[in-house]
Amino acid sequence: MLPTALYLLIFNQTIQQSWWRWARFVLLVPFALIILLLPMYQSGGGFISFVGTTDLVILWGILFAAATVLYTLYQRFYLKTGVTG
């Protein structure tokens, strides 16, 4: 999370607040997946038991970081959020 926080510092406060509104809901997705997939993991079947929880956490972190970069660049350059003049 520290690299994401440092990355967000290069954008203005409008983009940071927009990102936070988006990210607080996206961060809840892994918890919902854990709750839904926990019975499958405990029974020893399915994708989650093959990959492992550490791998899933790393994968989610990479996906979240990539989505953060794409979201902030979309806000800044396509929607021109926070650009004055």
N, C-alpha and C. Protein backbone atom coordinates (compact mmCIF):
# COMPACT_ATOMS: atom_id res chain seq x y z
N MET A 1 0.82 -1.19 0.00
CA MET A 1 0.00 0.00 0.00
C MET A 1 0.86 1.26 0.00
N LEU A 2 2.06 1.19 0.52
CA LEU A 2 2.93 2.36 0.54
C LEU A 2 3.26 2.85 -0.87
N PRO A 3 3.62 1.97 -1.82
CA PRO A 3 3.86 2.48 -3.18
C PRO A 3 2.62 3.13 -3.79
N THR A 4 1.44 2.61 -3.49
CA THR A 4 0.21 3.21 -4.00
C THR A 4 0.01 4.59 -3.40
N ALA A 5 0.26 4.73 -2.11
CA ALA A 5 0.12 6.03 -1.46
C ALA A 5 1.11 7.04 -2.02
N LEU A 6 2.34 6.63 -2.23
CA LEU A 6 3.33 7.53 -2.80
C LEU A 6 2.97 7.91 -4.24
N TYR A 7 2.44 6.97 -4.99
CA TYR A 7 2.01 7.25 -6.36
C TYR A 7 0.89 8.29 -6.37
N LEU A 8 -0.05 8.17 -5.43
CA LEU A 8 -1.18 9.09 -5.39
C LEU A 8 -0.78 10.50 -5.01
N LEU A 9 0.38 10.66 -4.38
CA LEU A 9 0.82 11.99 -3.99
C LEU A 9 1.14 12.89 -5.19
N ILE A 10 1.38 12.33 -6.36
CA ILE A 10 1.70 13.16 -7.52
C ILE A 10 0.44 13.74 -8.16
N PHE A 11 -0.73 13.32 -7.71
CA PHE A 11 -1.98 13.84 -8.24
C PHE A 11 -2.60 14.82 -7.25
N ASN A 12 -3.49 15.66 -7.76
CA ASN A 12 -4.11 16.65 -6.89
C ASN A 12 -5.17 16.00 -5.99
N GLN A 13 -5.69 16.81 -5.09
CA GLN A 13 -6.61 16.29 -4.07
C GLN A 13 -7.93 15.82 -4.68
N THR A 14 -8.36 16.42 -5.76
CA THR A 14 -9.60 16.00 -6.41
C THR A 14 -9.50 14.57 -6.90
N ILE A 15 -8.40 14.23 -7.53
CA ILE A 15 -8.21 12.86 -8.02
C ILE A 15 -8.02 11.90 -6.86
N GLN A 16 -7.33 12.33 -5.82
CA GLN A 16 -7.14 11.47 -4.64
C GLN A 16 -8.48 11.14 -3.99
N GLN A 17 -9.36 12.13 -3.86
CA GLN A 17 -10.67 11.88 -3.27
C GLN A 17 -11.53 11.00 -4.16
N SER A 18 -11.45 11.22 -5.45
CA SER A 18 -12.18 10.37 -6.39
C SER A 18 -11.68 8.93 -6.32
N TRP A 19 -10.37 8.77 -6.23
CA TRP A 19 -9.80 7.43 -6.10
C TRP A 19 -10.27 6.77 -4.81
N TRP A 20 -10.32 7.50 -3.71
CA TRP A 20 -10.72 6.92 -2.43
C TRP A 20 -12.17 6.45 -2.47
N ARG A 21 -13.06 7.23 -3.13
CA ARG A 21 -14.45 6.80 -3.25
C ARG A 21 -14.54 5.48 -4.03
N TRP A 22 -13.70 5.32 -5.02
CA TRP A 22 -13.68 4.09 -5.81
C TRP A 22 -13.00 2.95 -5.03
N ALA A 23 -11.89 3.24 -4.39
CA ALA A 23 -11.07 2.20 -3.77
C ALA A 23 -11.69 1.60 -2.52
N ARG A 24 -12.42 2.37 -1.76
CA ARG A 24 -12.97 1.80 -0.52
C ARG A 24 -13.95 0.68 -0.79
N PHE A 25 -14.63 0.72 -1.93
CA PHE A 25 -15.52 -0.38 -2.29
C PHE A 25 -14.75 -1.54 -2.93
N VAL A 26 -13.74 -1.22 -3.71
CA VAL A 26 -12.94 -2.25 -4.35
C VAL A 26 -12.15 -3.06 -3.32
N LEU A 27 -11.74 -2.40 -2.24
CA LEU A 27 -10.99 -3.11 -1.20
C LEU A 27 -11.84 -4.11 -0.44
N LEU A 28 -13.15 -3.97 -0.50
CA LEU A 28 -14.03 -4.92 0.18
C LEU A 28 -14.24 -6.21 -0.61
N VAL A 29 -13.92 -6.20 -1.89
CA VAL A 29 -14.14 -7.37 -2.75
C VAL A 29 -13.38 -8.60 -2.24
N PRO A 30 -12.08 -8.49 -1.86
CA PRO A 30 -11.40 -9.71 -1.39
C PRO A 30 -12.05 -10.33 -0.16
N PHE A 31 -12.58 -9.49 0.73
CA PHE A 31 -13.23 -10.03 1.92
C PHE A 31 -14.50 -10.78 1.55
N ALA A 32 -15.24 -10.26 0.60
CA ALA A 32 -16.45 -10.96 0.14
C ALA A 32 -16.07 -12.28 -0.52
N LEU A 33 -15.00 -12.28 -1.32
CA LEU A 33 -14.57 -13.52 -1.95
C LEU A 33 -14.11 -14.55 -0.94
N ILE A 34 -13.42 -14.10 0.10
CA ILE A 34 -12.98 -15.02 1.14
C ILE A 34 -14.17 -15.66 1.83
N ILE A 35 -15.17 -14.86 2.14
CA ILE A 35 -16.36 -15.39 2.81
C ILE A 35 -17.10 -16.38 1.90
N LEU A 36 -17.19 -16.06 0.61
CA LEU A 36 -17.90 -16.93 -0.31
C LEU A 36 -17.12 -18.20 -0.64
N LEU A 37 -15.79 -18.10 -0.72
CA LEU A 37 -14.98 -19.24 -1.15
C LEU A 37 -14.38 -20.05 0.01
N LEU A 38 -14.57 -19.60 1.23
CA LEU A 38 -13.99 -20.30 2.37
C LEU A 38 -14.48 -21.74 2.49
N PRO A 39 -15.75 -22.03 2.32
CA PRO A 39 -16.17 -23.45 2.40
C PRO A 39 -15.49 -24.31 1.33
N MET A 40 -15.27 -23.77 0.13
CA MET A 40 -14.61 -24.52 -0.92
C MET A 40 -13.15 -24.77 -0.56
N TYR A 41 -12.51 -23.79 0.06
CA TYR A 41 -11.11 -23.93 0.46
C TYR A 41 -10.97 -24.98 1.57
N GLN A 42 -11.89 -24.97 2.50
CA GLN A 42 -11.81 -25.92 3.61
C GLN A 42 -12.09 -27.35 3.16
N SER A 43 -12.86 -27.52 2.10
CA SER A 43 -13.15 -28.87 1.62
C SER A 43 -12.05 -29.42 0.73
N GLY A 44 -11.09 -28.57 0.36
CA GLY A 44 -9.94 -29.04 -0.42
C GLY A 44 -10.16 -29.08 -1.91
N GLY A 45 -11.12 -28.35 -2.42
CA GLY A 45 -11.37 -28.38 -3.85
C GLY A 45 -11.40 -26.99 -4.44
N GLY A 46 -11.32 -26.93 -5.75
CA GLY A 46 -11.46 -25.66 -6.44
C GLY A 46 -10.16 -24.93 -6.65
N PHE A 47 -10.26 -23.79 -7.29
CA PHE A 47 -9.11 -22.98 -7.67
C PHE A 47 -8.35 -22.43 -6.47
N ILE A 48 -9.08 -22.02 -5.43
CA ILE A 48 -8.43 -21.35 -4.30
C ILE A 48 -7.49 -22.29 -3.54
N SER A 49 -7.81 -23.57 -3.47
CA SER A 49 -6.92 -24.48 -2.76
C SER A 49 -5.69 -24.82 -3.61
N PHE A 50 -5.82 -24.73 -4.93
CA PHE A 50 -4.70 -25.01 -5.81
C PHE A 50 -3.67 -23.88 -5.78
N VAL A 51 -4.14 -22.65 -5.73
CA VAL A 51 -3.25 -21.50 -5.79
C VAL A 51 -2.66 -21.19 -4.43
N GLY A 52 -3.44 -21.16 -3.39
CA GLY A 52 -2.96 -20.81 -2.06
C GLY A 52 -3.31 -19.38 -1.72
N THR A 53 -3.47 -19.13 -0.45
CA THR A 53 -3.91 -17.80 -0.02
C THR A 53 -2.84 -16.74 -0.22
N THR A 54 -1.57 -17.08 -0.02
CA THR A 54 -0.50 -16.10 -0.23
C THR A 54 -0.46 -15.64 -1.67
N ASP A 55 -0.60 -16.57 -2.58
CA ASP A 55 -0.61 -16.22 -4.00
C ASP A 55 -1.81 -15.34 -4.34
N LEU A 56 -2.95 -15.61 -3.73
CA LEU A 56 -4.13 -14.79 -3.99
C LEU A 56 -3.95 -13.37 -3.48
N VAL A 57 -3.32 -13.22 -2.32
CA VAL A 57 -3.07 -11.89 -1.77
C VAL A 57 -2.13 -11.11 -2.68
N ILE A 58 -1.09 -11.76 -3.16
CA ILE A 58 -0.14 -11.10 -4.07
C ILE A 58 -0.84 -10.73 -5.37
N LEU A 59 -1.63 -11.65 -5.91
CA LEU A 59 -2.37 -11.38 -7.14
C LEU A 59 -3.33 -10.21 -6.95
N TRP A 60 -4.06 -10.16 -5.85
CA TRP A 60 -4.99 -9.07 -5.59
C TRP A 60 -4.23 -7.75 -5.46
N GLY A 61 -3.08 -7.75 -4.82
CA GLY A 61 -2.29 -6.53 -4.70
C GLY A 61 -1.82 -6.01 -6.04
N ILE A 62 -1.39 -6.91 -6.91
CA ILE A 62 -0.95 -6.51 -8.25
C ILE A 62 -2.14 -5.96 -9.05
N LEU A 63 -3.27 -6.64 -8.99
CA LEU A 63 -4.45 -6.17 -9.71
C LEU A 63 -4.93 -4.82 -9.19
N PHE A 64 -4.88 -4.64 -7.87
CA PHE A 64 -5.31 -3.38 -7.28
C PHE A 64 -4.37 -2.24 -7.67
N ALA A 65 -3.07 -2.49 -7.66
CA ALA A 65 -2.10 -1.47 -8.05
C ALA A 65 -2.27 -1.09 -9.52
N ALA A 66 -2.47 -2.08 -10.38
CA ALA A 66 -2.68 -1.80 -11.81
C ALA A 66 -3.96 -1.02 -12.03
N ALA A 67 -5.02 -1.39 -11.32
CA ALA A 67 -6.29 -0.67 -11.44
C ALA A 67 -6.16 0.76 -10.93
N THR A 68 -5.37 0.96 -9.89
CA THR A 68 -5.13 2.31 -9.37
C THR A 68 -4.44 3.17 -10.40
N VAL A 69 -3.42 2.64 -11.04
CA VAL A 69 -2.70 3.40 -12.06
C VAL A 69 -3.64 3.75 -13.21
N LEU A 70 -4.39 2.77 -13.69
CA LEU A 70 -5.31 3.02 -14.79
C LEU A 70 -6.40 4.02 -14.41
N TYR A 71 -6.93 3.90 -13.22
CA TYR A 71 -8.00 4.80 -12.77
C TYR A 71 -7.50 6.24 -12.65
N THR A 72 -6.34 6.43 -12.05
CA THR A 72 -5.83 7.79 -11.87
C THR A 72 -5.44 8.42 -13.21
N LEU A 73 -4.84 7.65 -14.09
CA LEU A 73 -4.49 8.20 -15.40
C LEU A 73 -5.74 8.52 -16.22
N TYR A 74 -6.76 7.69 -16.10
CA TYR A 74 -8.04 7.96 -16.75
C TYR A 74 -8.65 9.25 -16.23
N GLN A 75 -8.64 9.42 -14.91
CA GLN A 75 -9.18 10.64 -14.31
C GLN A 75 -8.41 11.87 -14.75
N ARG A 76 -7.09 11.76 -14.79
CA ARG A 76 -6.26 12.93 -15.06
C ARG A 76 -6.24 13.32 -16.54
N PHE A 77 -6.07 12.36 -17.42
CA PHE A 77 -5.84 12.69 -18.82
C PHE A 77 -7.07 12.55 -19.71
N TYR A 78 -7.99 11.66 -19.40
CA TYR A 78 -9.17 11.50 -20.24
C TYR A 78 -10.31 12.40 -19.75
N LEU A 79 -10.62 12.32 -18.47
CA LEU A 79 -11.68 13.17 -17.92
C LEU A 79 -11.18 14.55 -17.52
N LYS A 80 -9.87 14.71 -17.46
CA LYS A 80 -9.23 15.97 -17.08
C LYS A 80 -9.73 16.47 -15.73
N THR A 81 -9.84 15.55 -14.78
CA THR A 81 -10.28 15.89 -13.43
C THR A 81 -9.22 16.74 -12.74
N GLY A 82 -9.64 17.83 -12.15
CA GLY A 82 -8.73 18.68 -11.39
C GLY A 82 -7.89 19.61 -12.24
N VAL A 83 -8.10 19.65 -13.54
CA VAL A 83 -7.34 20.53 -14.42
C VAL A 83 -8.07 21.86 -14.51
N THR A 84 -7.38 22.95 -14.23
CA THR A 84 -7.99 24.27 -14.30
C THR A 84 -7.44 25.03 -15.50
N GLY A 85 -8.27 25.88 -16.04
CA GLY A 85 -7.83 26.74 -17.15
C GLY A 85 -8.08 26.13 -18.42
